[in-house]
PDB file of N, CA and C in Angstrom:
ATOM      1  N   MET A   1       0.840  -1.189   0.000  1.00  0.00           N
ATOM      2  CA  MET A   1       0.000   0.000   0.000  1.00  0.00           C
ATOM      3  C   MET A   1       0.878   1.243   0.000  1.00  0.00           C
ATOM      4  N   VAL A   2       0.487   2.211  -0.791  1.00  0.00           N
ATOM      5  CA  VAL A   2       1.204   3.479  -0.884  1.00  0.00           C
ATOM      6  C   VAL A   2       0.496   4.492   0.007  1.00  0.00           C
ATOM      7  N   ASP A   3       1.277   5.149   0.848  1.00  0.00           N
ATOM      8  CA  ASP A   3       0.774   6.218   1.711  1.00  0.00           C
ATOM      9  C   ASP A   3       1.512   7.494   1.354  1.00  0.00           C
ATOM     10  N   ILE A   4       0.761   8.576   1.222  1.00  0.00           N
ATOM     11  CA  ILE A   4       1.375   9.873   0.965  1.00  0.00           C
ATOM     12  C   ILE A   4       0.893  10.849   2.025  1.00  0.00           C
ATOM     13  N   TYR A   5       1.826  11.570   2.591  1.00  0.00           N
ATOM     14  CA  TYR A   5       1.529  12.552   3.634  1.00  0.00           C
ATOM     15  C   TYR A   5       1.681  13.932   3.009  1.00  0.00           C
ATOM     16  N   THR A   6       0.622  14.733   3.111  1.00  0.00           N
ATOM     17  CA  THR A   6       0.567  16.021   2.429  1.00  0.00           C
ATOM     18  C   THR A   6       0.043  17.119   3.353  1.00  0.00           C
ATOM     19  N   LYS A   7       0.216  18.349   2.883  1.00  0.00           N
ATOM     20  CA  LYS A   7      -0.432  19.509   3.493  1.00  0.00           C
ATOM     21  C   LYS A   7      -1.212  20.190   2.380  1.00  0.00           C
ATOM     22  N   ASN A   8      -2.404  20.690   2.701  1.00  0.00           N
ATOM     23  CA  ASN A   8      -3.319  21.155   1.653  1.00  0.00           C
ATOM     24  C   ASN A   8      -2.843  22.383   0.883  1.00  0.00           C
ATOM     25  N   TYR A   9      -1.883  23.121   1.397  1.00  0.00           N
ATOM     26  CA  TYR A   9      -1.413  24.332   0.716  1.00  0.00           C
ATOM     27  C   TYR A   9      -0.105  24.105  -0.052  1.00  0.00           C
ATOM     28  N   CYS A  10       0.372  22.884  -0.087  1.00  0.00           N
ATOM     29  CA  CYS A  10       1.688  22.574  -0.652  1.00  0.00           C
ATOM     30  C   CYS A  10       1.597  22.237  -2.144  1.00  0.00           C
ATOM     31  N   PRO A  11       2.225  23.049  -3.010  1.00  0.00           N
ATOM     32  CA  PRO A  11       2.155  22.766  -4.444  1.00  0.00           C
ATOM     33  C   PRO A  11       2.844  21.452  -4.835  1.00  0.00           C
ATOM     34  N   PHE A  12       3.908  21.092  -4.141  1.00  0.00           N
ATOM     35  CA  PHE A  12       4.588  19.833  -4.449  1.00  0.00           C
ATOM     36  C   PHE A  12       3.735  18.636  -4.044  1.00  0.00           C
ATOM     37  N   CYS A  13       2.938  18.811  -3.009  1.00  0.00           N
ATOM     38  CA  CYS A  13       2.007  17.755  -2.607  1.00  0.00           C
ATOM     39  C   CYS A  13       0.977  17.533  -3.713  1.00  0.00           C
ATOM     40  N   HIS A  14       0.458  18.614  -4.269  1.00  0.00           N
ATOM     41  CA  HIS A  14      -0.521  18.509  -5.350  1.00  0.00           C
ATOM     42  C   HIS A  14       0.086  17.823  -6.572  1.00  0.00           C
ATOM     43  N   LYS A  15       1.352  18.141  -6.871  1.00  0.00           N
ATOM     44  CA  LYS A  15       2.040  17.503  -8.001  1.00  0.00           C
ATOM     45  C   LYS A  15       2.229  16.009  -7.746  1.00  0.00           C
ATOM     46  N   ALA A  16       2.612  15.657  -6.523  1.00  0.00           N
ATOM     47  CA  ALA A  16       2.821  14.242  -6.187  1.00  0.00           C
ATOM     48  C   ALA A  16       1.510  13.469  -6.277  1.00  0.00           C
ATOM     49  N   LEU A  17       0.438  14.049  -5.775  1.00  0.00           N
ATOM     50  CA  LEU A  17      -0.873  13.396  -5.856  1.00  0.00           C
ATOM     51  C   LEU A  17      -1.287  13.211  -7.315  1.00  0.00           C
ATOM     52  N   ALA A  18      -1.053  14.229  -8.128  1.00  0.00           N
ATOM     53  CA  ALA A  18      -1.410  14.145  -9.553  1.00  0.00           C
ATOM     54  C   ALA A  18      -0.613  13.050 -10.254  1.00  0.00           C
ATOM     55  N   LEU A  19       0.663  12.918  -9.915  1.00  0.00           N
ATOM     56  CA  LEU A  19       1.488  11.875 -10.525  1.00  0.00           C
ATOM     57  C   LEU A  19       0.978  10.489 -10.143  1.00  0.00           C
ATOM     58  N   LEU A  20       0.661  10.297  -8.877  1.00  0.00           N
ATOM     59  CA  LEU A  20       0.145   8.996  -8.436  1.00  0.00           C
ATOM     60  C   LEU A  20      -1.187   8.687  -9.109  1.00  0.00           C
ATOM     61  N   GLU A  21      -2.037   9.688  -9.236  1.00  0.00           N
ATOM     62  CA  GLU A  21      -3.326   9.490  -9.912  1.00  0.00           C
ATOM     63  C   GLU A  21      -3.117   9.167 -11.393  1.00  0.00           C
ATOM     64  N   GLU A  22      -2.180   9.863 -12.024  1.00  0.00           N
ATOM     65  CA  GLU A  22      -1.877   9.628 -13.437  1.00  0.00           C
ATOM     66  C   GLU A  22      -1.393   8.191 -13.653  1.00  0.00           C
ATOM     67  N   LEU A  23      -0.635   7.686 -12.706  1.00  0.00           N
ATOM     68  CA  LEU A  23      -0.108   6.320 -12.806  1.00  0.00           C
ATOM     69  C   LEU A  23      -1.132   5.270 -12.400  1.00  0.00           C
ATOM     70  N   LYS A  24      -2.298   5.736 -11.952  1.00  0.00           N
ATOM     71  CA  LYS A  24      -3.392   4.847 -11.529  1.00  0.00           C
ATOM     72  C   LYS A  24      -2.949   3.870 -10.428  1.00  0.00           C
ATOM     73  N   VAL A  25      -2.217   4.438  -9.474  1.00  0.00           N
ATOM     74  CA  VAL A  25      -1.738   3.671  -8.325  1.00  0.00           C
ATOM     75  C   VAL A  25      -2.703   3.882  -7.171  1.00  0.00           C
ATOM     76  N   GLU A  26      -3.044   2.810  -6.486  1.00  0.00           N
ATOM     77  CA  GLU A  26      -3.893   2.935  -5.312  1.00  0.00           C
ATOM     78  C   GLU A  26      -3.053   3.498  -4.165  1.00  0.00           C
ATOM     79  N   PHE A  27      -3.547   4.562  -3.552  1.00  0.00           N
ATOM     80  CA  PHE A  27      -2.814   5.179  -2.455  1.00  0.00           C
ATOM     81  C   PHE A  27      -3.784   5.772  -1.455  1.00  0.00           C
ATOM     82  N   LYS A  28      -3.242   6.037  -0.272  1.00  0.00           N
ATOM     83  CA  LYS A  28      -4.027   6.710   0.758  1.00  0.00           C
ATOM     84  C   LYS A  28      -3.337   8.036   1.064  1.00  0.00           C
ATOM     85  N   ASN A  29      -4.104   9.124   0.941  1.00  0.00           N
ATOM     86  CA  ASN A  29      -3.578  10.451   1.229  1.00  0.00           C
ATOM     87  C   ASN A  29      -3.869  10.796   2.688  1.00  0.00           C
ATOM     88  N   HIS A  30      -2.816  11.149   3.408  1.00  0.00           N
ATOM     89  CA  HIS A  30      -2.938  11.577   4.801  1.00  0.00           C
ATOM     90  C   HIS A  30      -2.662  13.078   4.841  1.00  0.00           C
ATOM     91  N   ASP A  31      -3.708  13.874   4.971  1.00  0.00           N
ATOM     92  CA  ASP A  31      -3.553  15.327   5.044  1.00  0.00           C
ATOM     93  C   ASP A  31      -3.171  15.684   6.477  1.00  0.00           C
ATOM     94  N   ILE A  32      -1.939  16.161   6.646  1.00  0.00           N
ATOM     95  CA  ILE A  32      -1.438  16.472   7.987  1.00  0.00           C
ATOM     96  C   ILE A  32      -1.292  17.981   8.194  1.00  0.00           C
ATOM     97  N   THR A  33      -2.081  18.747   7.461  1.00  0.00           N
ATOM     98  CA  THR A  33      -2.006  20.207   7.527  1.00  0.00           C
ATOM     99  C   THR A  33      -2.105  20.722   8.958  1.00  0.00           C
ATOM    100  N   ASP A  34      -3.035  20.193   9.722  1.00  0.00           N
ATOM    101  CA  ASP A  34      -3.281  20.709  11.065  1.00  0.00           C
ATOM    102  C   ASP A  34      -2.800  19.769  12.169  1.00  0.00           C
ATOM    103  N   THR A  35      -1.843  18.906  11.849  1.00  0.00           N
ATOM    104  CA  THR A  35      -1.349  17.955  12.850  1.00  0.00           C
ATOM    105  C   THR A  35       0.177  17.960  12.900  1.00  0.00           C
ATOM    106  N   PRO A  36       0.763  18.976  13.538  1.00  0.00           N
ATOM    107  CA  PRO A  36       2.225  19.064  13.603  1.00  0.00           C
ATOM    108  C   PRO A  36       2.868  17.868  14.308  1.00  0.00           C
ATOM    109  N   GLU A  37       2.130  17.227  15.193  1.00  0.00           N
ATOM    110  CA  GLU A  37       2.685  16.065  15.888  1.00  0.00           C
ATOM    111  C   GLU A  37       2.930  14.905  14.918  1.00  0.00           C
ATOM    112  N   VAL A  38       2.081  14.786  13.905  1.00  0.00           N
ATOM    113  CA  VAL A  38       2.278  13.745  12.888  1.00  0.00           C
ATOM    114  C   VAL A  38       3.515  14.083  12.053  1.00  0.00           C
ATOM    115  N   MET A  39       3.703  15.352  11.717  1.00  0.00           N
ATOM    116  CA  MET A  39       4.886  15.778  10.965  1.00  0.00           C
ATOM    117  C   MET A  39       6.147  15.454  11.743  1.00  0.00           C
ATOM    118  N   GLU A  40       6.106  15.649  13.036  1.00  0.00           N
ATOM    119  CA  GLU A  40       7.255  15.349  13.885  1.00  0.00           C
ATOM    120  C   GLU A  40       7.575  13.848  13.855  1.00  0.00           C
ATOM    121  N   GLU A  41       6.556  13.014  13.950  1.00  0.00           N
ATOM    122  CA  GLU A  41       6.741  11.563  13.881  1.00  0.00           C
ATOM    123  C   GLU A  41       7.300  11.143  12.520  1.00  0.00           C
ATOM    124  N   LEU A  42       6.756  11.727  11.455  1.00  0.00           N
ATOM    125  CA  LEU A  42       7.250  11.430  10.111  1.00  0.00           C
ATOM    126  C   LEU A  42       8.717  11.803   9.970  1.00  0.00           C
ATOM    127  N   SER A  43       9.098  12.945  10.502  1.00  0.00           N
ATOM    128  CA  SER A  43      10.483  13.397  10.420  1.00  0.00           C
ATOM    129  C   SER A  43      11.423  12.400  11.082  1.00  0.00           C
ATOM    130  N   LYS A  44      10.994  11.850  12.201  1.00  0.00           N
ATOM    131  CA  LYS A  44      11.806  10.843  12.888  1.00  0.00           C
ATOM    132  C   LYS A  44      11.913   9.571  12.052  1.00  0.00           C
ATOM    133  N   LYS A  45      10.825   9.216  11.399  1.00  0.00           N
ATOM    134  CA  LYS A  45      10.752   7.978  10.619  1.00  0.00           C
ATOM    135  C   LYS A  45      11.528   8.083   9.304  1.00  0.00           C
ATOM    136  N   SER A  46      11.407   9.224   8.626  1.00  0.00           N
ATOM    137  CA  SER A  46      11.973   9.349   7.282  1.00  0.00           C
ATOM    138  C   SER A  46      13.262  10.155   7.214  1.00  0.00           C
ATOM    139  N   GLY A  47      13.460  11.031   8.190  1.00  0.00           N
ATOM    140  CA  GLY A  47      14.604  11.929   8.139  1.00  0.00           C
ATOM    141  C   GLY A  47      14.315  13.224   7.391  1.00  0.00           C
ATOM    142  N   PHE A  48      13.106  13.359   6.834  1.00  0.00           N
ATOM    143  CA  PHE A  48      12.717  14.563   6.094  1.00  0.00           C
ATOM    144  C   PHE A  48      11.818  15.444   6.962  1.00  0.00           C
ATOM    145  N   LYS A  49      11.940  16.747   6.783  1.00  0.00           N
ATOM    146  CA  LYS A  49      11.094  17.683   7.534  1.00  0.00           C
ATOM    147  C   LYS A  49      10.123  18.410   6.617  1.00  0.00           C
ATOM    148  N   THR A  50       9.926  17.866   5.420  1.00  0.00           N
ATOM    149  CA  THR A  50       9.062  18.495   4.429  1.00  0.00           C
ATOM    150  C   THR A  50       8.020  17.496   3.943  1.00  0.00           C
ATOM    151  N   VAL A  51       7.013  18.018   3.265  1.00  0.00           N
ATOM    152  CA  VAL A  51       6.014  17.191   2.601  1.00  0.00           C
ATOM    153  C   VAL A  51       6.052  17.537   1.122  1.00  0.00           C
ATOM    154  N   PRO A  52       5.614  16.656   0.278  1.00  0.00           N
ATOM    155  CA  PRO A  52       5.014  15.364   0.587  1.00  0.00           C
ATOM    156  C   PRO A  52       6.072  14.333   0.966  1.00  0.00           C
ATOM    157  N   GLN A  53       5.589  13.288   1.610  1.00  0.00           N
ATOM    158  CA  GLN A  53       6.411  12.121   1.875  1.00  0.00           C
ATOM    159  C   GLN A  53       5.624  10.917   1.386  1.00  0.00           C
ATOM    160  N   VAL A  54       6.265  10.134   0.541  1.00  0.00           N
ATOM    161  CA  VAL A  54       5.620   8.974  -0.071  1.00  0.00           C
ATOM    162  C   VAL A  54       6.245   7.712   0.496  1.00  0.00           C
ATOM    163  N   PHE A  55       5.395   6.845   1.022  1.00  0.00           N
ATOM    164  CA  PHE A  55       5.848   5.589   1.605  1.00  0.00           C
ATOM    165  C   PHE A  55       5.224   4.412   0.882  1.00  0.00           C
ATOM    166  N   VAL A  56       6.019   3.365   0.710  1.00  0.00           N
ATOM    167  CA  VAL A  56       5.522   2.060   0.276  1.00  0.00           C
ATOM    168  C   VAL A  56       5.828   1.149   1.456  1.00  0.00           C
ATOM    169  N   GLY A  57       4.786   0.768   2.173  1.00  0.00           N
ATOM    170  CA  GLY A  57       5.001   0.042   3.420  1.00  0.00           C
ATOM    171  C   GLY A  57       5.752   0.952   4.377  1.00  0.00           C
ATOM    172  N   GLU A  58       6.878   0.472   4.875  1.00  0.00           N
ATOM    173  CA  GLU A  58       7.689   1.266   5.803  1.00  0.00           C
ATOM    174  C   GLU A  58       8.798   2.047   5.095  1.00  0.00           C
ATOM    175  N   LYS A  59       8.952   1.834   3.795  1.00  0.00           N
ATOM    176  CA  LYS A  59      10.036   2.477   3.044  1.00  0.00           C
ATOM    177  C   LYS A  59       9.602   3.833   2.507  1.00  0.00           C
ATOM    178  N   CYS A  60      10.366   4.859   2.842  1.00  0.00           N
ATOM    179  CA  CYS A  60      10.096   6.206   2.353  1.00  0.00           C
ATOM    180  C   CYS A  60      10.795   6.398   1.015  1.00  0.00           C
ATOM    181  N   LEU A  61      10.020   6.762  -0.004  1.00  0.00           N
ATOM    182  CA  LEU A  61      10.588   7.037  -1.326  1.00  0.00           C
ATOM    183  C   LEU A  61      11.009   8.495  -1.467  1.00  0.00           C
ATOM    184  N   GLY A  62      10.637   9.329  -0.505  1.00  0.00           N
ATOM    185  CA  GLY A  62      10.988  10.740  -0.545  1.00  0.00           C
ATOM    186  C   GLY A  62       9.784  11.591  -0.890  1.00  0.00           C
ATOM    187  N   GLY A  63      10.070  12.745  -1.492  1.00  0.00           N
ATOM    188  CA  GLY A  63       9.022  13.688  -1.847  1.00  0.00           C
ATOM    189  C   GLY A  63       8.759  13.704  -3.337  1.00  0.00           C
ATOM    190  N   TYR A  64       8.132  14.774  -3.812  1.00  0.00           N
ATOM    191  CA  TYR A  64       7.747  14.845  -5.216  1.00  0.00           C
ATOM    192  C   TYR A  64       8.945  14.729  -6.146  1.00  0.00           C
ATOM    193  N   SER A  65      10.000  15.502  -5.903  1.00  0.00           N
ATOM    194  CA  SER A  65      11.135  15.474  -6.833  1.00  0.00           C
ATOM    195  C   SER A  65      11.774  14.085  -6.871  1.00  0.00           C
ATOM    196  N   ASP A  66      11.744  13.385  -5.734  1.00  0.00           N
ATOM    197  CA  ASP A  66      12.304  12.032  -5.684  1.00  0.00           C
ATOM    198  C   ASP A  66      11.477  11.052  -6.514  1.00  0.00           C
ATOM    199  N   ILE A  67      10.148  11.109  -6.342  1.00  0.00           N
ATOM    200  CA  ILE A  67       9.326  10.150  -7.096  1.00  0.00           C
ATOM    201  C   ILE A  67       9.269  10.527  -8.576  1.00  0.00           C
ATOM    202  N   ALA A  68       9.354  11.821  -8.883  1.00  0.00           N
ATOM    203  CA  ALA A  68       9.375  12.248 -10.287  1.00  0.00           C
ATOM    204  C   ALA A  68      10.649  11.751 -10.964  1.00  0.00           C
ATOM    205  N   ALA A  69      11.774  11.823 -10.257  1.00  0.00           N
ATOM    206  CA  ALA A  69      13.043  11.337 -10.807  1.00  0.00           C
ATOM    207  C   ALA A  69      12.990   9.826 -11.020  1.00  0.00           C
ATOM    208  N   LEU A  70      12.418   9.103 -10.061  1.00  0.00           N
ATOM    209  CA  LEU A  70      12.262   7.655 -10.219  1.00  0.00           C
ATOM    210  C   LEU A  70      11.371   7.340 -11.424  1.00  0.00           C
ATOM    211  N   HIS A  71      10.313   8.116 -11.591  1.00  0.00           N
ATOM    212  CA  HIS A  71       9.400   7.917 -12.713  1.00  0.00           C
ATOM    213  C   HIS A  71      10.113   8.149 -14.048  1.00  0.00           C
ATOM    214  N   GLU A  72      10.928   9.197 -14.111  1.00  0.00           N
ATOM    215  CA  GLU A  72      11.695   9.499 -15.329  1.00  0.00           C
ATOM    216  C   GLU A  72      12.578   8.326 -15.738  1.00  0.00           C
ATOM    217  N   LYS A  73      13.128   7.605 -14.746  1.00  0.00           N
ATOM    218  CA  LYS A  73      14.019   6.466 -15.008  1.00  0.00           C
ATOM    219  C   LYS A  73      13.254   5.162 -15.194  1.00  0.00           C
ATOM    220  N   GLY A  74      11.919   5.220 -15.052  1.00  0.00           N
ATOM    221  CA  GLY A  74      11.117   4.010 -15.186  1.00  0.00           C
ATOM    222  C   GLY A  74      11.163   3.101 -13.969  1.00  0.00           C
ATOM    223  N   GLU A  75      11.593   3.652 -12.840  1.00  0.00           N
ATOM    224  CA  GLU A  75      11.771   2.847 -11.629  1.00  0.00           C
ATOM    225  C   GLU A  75      10.653   3.017 -10.609  1.00  0.00           C
ATOM    226  N   LEU A  76       9.772   3.995 -10.803  1.00  0.00           N
ATOM    227  CA  LEU A  76       8.757   4.281  -9.794  1.00  0.00           C
ATOM    228  C   LEU A  76       7.657   3.228  -9.749  1.00  0.00           C
ATOM    229  N   LEU A  77       7.076   2.920 -10.873  1.00  0.00           N
ATOM    230  CA  LEU A  77       5.938   1.996 -10.902  1.00  0.00           C
ATOM    231  C   LEU A  77       6.266   0.644 -10.260  1.00  0.00           C
ATOM    232  N   PRO A  78       7.408   0.022 -10.582  1.00  0.00           N
ATOM    233  CA  PRO A  78       7.717  -1.250  -9.924  1.00  0.00           C
ATOM    234  C   PRO A  78       7.801  -1.125  -8.392  1.00  0.00           C
ATOM    235  N   LEU A  79       8.300   0.009  -7.906  1.00  0.00           N
ATOM    236  CA  LEU A  79       8.386   0.217  -6.455  1.00  0.00           C
ATOM    237  C   LEU A  79       7.001   0.384  -5.846  1.00  0.00           C
ATOM    238  N   LEU A  80       6.131   1.097  -6.540  1.00  0.00           N
ATOM    239  CA  LEU A  80       4.790   1.352  -6.023  1.00  0.00           C
ATOM    240  C   LEU A  80       3.921   0.102  -6.057  1.00  0.00           C
ATOM    241  N   LYS A  81       4.173  -0.773  -6.972  1.00  0.00           N
ATOM    242  CA  LYS A  81       3.363  -1.981  -7.111  1.00  0.00           C
ATOM    243  C   LYS A  81       3.916  -3.145  -6.312  1.00  0.00           C
ATOM    244  N   ALA A  82       5.056  -2.936  -5.656  1.00  0.00           N
ATOM    245  CA  ALA A  82       5.699  -4.029  -4.896  1.00  0.00           C
ATOM    246  C   ALA A  82       4.893  -4.393  -3.672  1.00  0.00           C
TER     247      ALA A  82
END
């Protein structure tokens, strides 16, 4: 299962969501706009202090630029479908 953590005002979050939708990948969007405690937990888990954060299971793939780069190389879909 793919989980994406976003904030509603973040343009990169919107781009990441659009990419996942374009790829027709099943995902769950966790809007953490008003939950700083969740952001703090995510930062500990992933090492990132920004959103979006895309996870496949427990593995963090990074943010929008990371998944876009993986997509450019043809490596994203196999990771998301794993």
